[in-house]
Protein backbone atom coordinates (compact mmCIF):
# COMPACT_ATOMS: atom_id res chain seq x y z
CA MET A 1 0.05 -0.04 0.03
CA LYS A 2 1.13 3.62 -0.45
CA TYR A 3 0.43 6.21 1.94
CA THR A 4 0.25 10.14 1.64
CA GLN A 5 2.71 12.38 3.90
CA TYR A 6 -0.43 13.33 5.71
CA PHE A 7 -1.39 9.89 6.47
CA ILE A 8 1.97 9.16 8.03
CA HIS A 9 1.69 12.30 10.01
CA THR A 10 -1.60 11.68 11.40
CA GLN A 11 -1.39 7.99 12.25
CA GLN A 12 1.31 9.09 14.75
CA ARG A 13 -1.43 10.62 16.96
CA GLU A 14 -2.33 9.28 20.15
CA ASP A 15 -6.00 8.45 18.84
CA ARG A 16 -4.80 6.93 15.87
CA LYS A 17 -1.88 4.76 16.73
CA HIS A 18 -3.82 1.82 17.37
CA ILE A 19 -5.28 1.52 14.06
CA LYS A 20 -3.69 -1.53 12.63
CA ILE A 21 -2.47 -1.66 8.99
CA GLU A 22 -4.35 -4.82 8.42
CA TRP A 23 -7.55 -3.15 9.31
CA ILE A 24 -6.72 -0.18 6.84
CA GLN A 25 -6.17 -3.35 4.17
CA TYR A 26 -9.30 -4.89 5.01
CA VAL A 27 -11.32 -1.90 4.43
CA CYS A 28 -9.66 -1.18 1.20
CA GLU A 29 -10.52 -4.52 -0.11
CA TYR A 30 -14.11 -5.21 1.49
CA PRO A 31 -15.54 -1.94 2.13
CA GLU A 32 -19.44 -2.04 3.28
CA LYS A 33 -20.00 1.22 1.71
CA GLU A 34 -18.19 3.74 -0.43
CA GLU A 35 -18.54 7.34 -1.45
CA LYS A 36 -16.43 9.73 -4.09
CA GLN A 37 -16.07 12.95 -2.48
CA ASN A 38 -16.21 16.16 -4.86
CA ASP A 39 -12.38 16.26 -4.96
CA GLY A 40 -12.17 12.78 -6.27
CA ARG A 41 -11.12 11.08 -3.36
CA ILE A 42 -12.77 7.74 -2.26
CA ARG A 43 -14.23 7.03 1.12
CA ARG A 44 -14.61 3.48 2.31
CA TRP A 45 -16.18 2.02 5.50
CA ALA A 46 -16.21 -1.25 7.04
CA LYS A 47 -16.94 -2.83 10.46
CA ILE A 48 -13.69 -3.77 12.58
CA GLN A 49 -14.84 -6.49 14.72
CA ALA A 50 -11.55 -6.73 16.77
CA ALA A 51 -12.00 -2.94 17.38
CA ASP A 52 -15.71 -3.30 19.19
CA ASN A 53 -17.41 -3.50 16.06
CA LYS A 54 -16.47 0.13 15.41
CA TYR A 55 -16.43 1.60 11.88
CA LEU A 56 -13.15 2.27 10.17
CA ARG A 57 -13.28 4.94 7.48
CA ILE A 58 -10.36 5.06 5.03
CA VAL A 59 -9.92 7.84 2.31
CA LEU A 60 -8.16 6.96 -0.87
CA LEU A 61 -6.86 9.22 -3.36
CA GLU A 62 -8.01 9.21 -6.94
CA ASP A 63 -5.71 6.20 -7.79
CA LYS A 64 -7.80 3.98 -5.46
CA GLU A 65 -4.04 2.77 -4.03
CA THR A 66 -2.95 5.63 -1.91
CA ILE A 67 -4.29 5.86 1.57
CA HIS A 68 -4.74 9.42 2.74
CA ASN A 69 -6.55 9.11 5.83
CA ALA A 70 -8.00 6.53 8.40
CA PHE A 71 -10.00 6.76 11.32
CA PHE A 72 -12.78 5.46 13.28
CA ASP A 73 -16.00 7.13 12.21
CA ARG A 74 -18.30 7.89 15.29
CA SER A 75 -20.85 9.37 13.23
CA PHE A 76 -21.04 6.21 10.47
CA LYS A 77 -24.88 4.84 10.43
CA GLU A 78 -25.63 1.48 9.38
CA GLU A 79 -28.22 1.43 6.55
């Protein structure tokens, strides 16, 4: 996987250090939901059972390969 400098920087924050790369890879490959942003980036969500069933949101660049952001989305609602 490829990462932006923004991702590398933000994943060092205390509230994001515990997010595992395997979880990010899982969301990338098996999203439960996907949306395209106005800027062309792609949002993907999936439930992470090992993280108390929280939903992890990742944001990919337009190439659908480069991870720009990853965080647990507290406002995500199951459809």
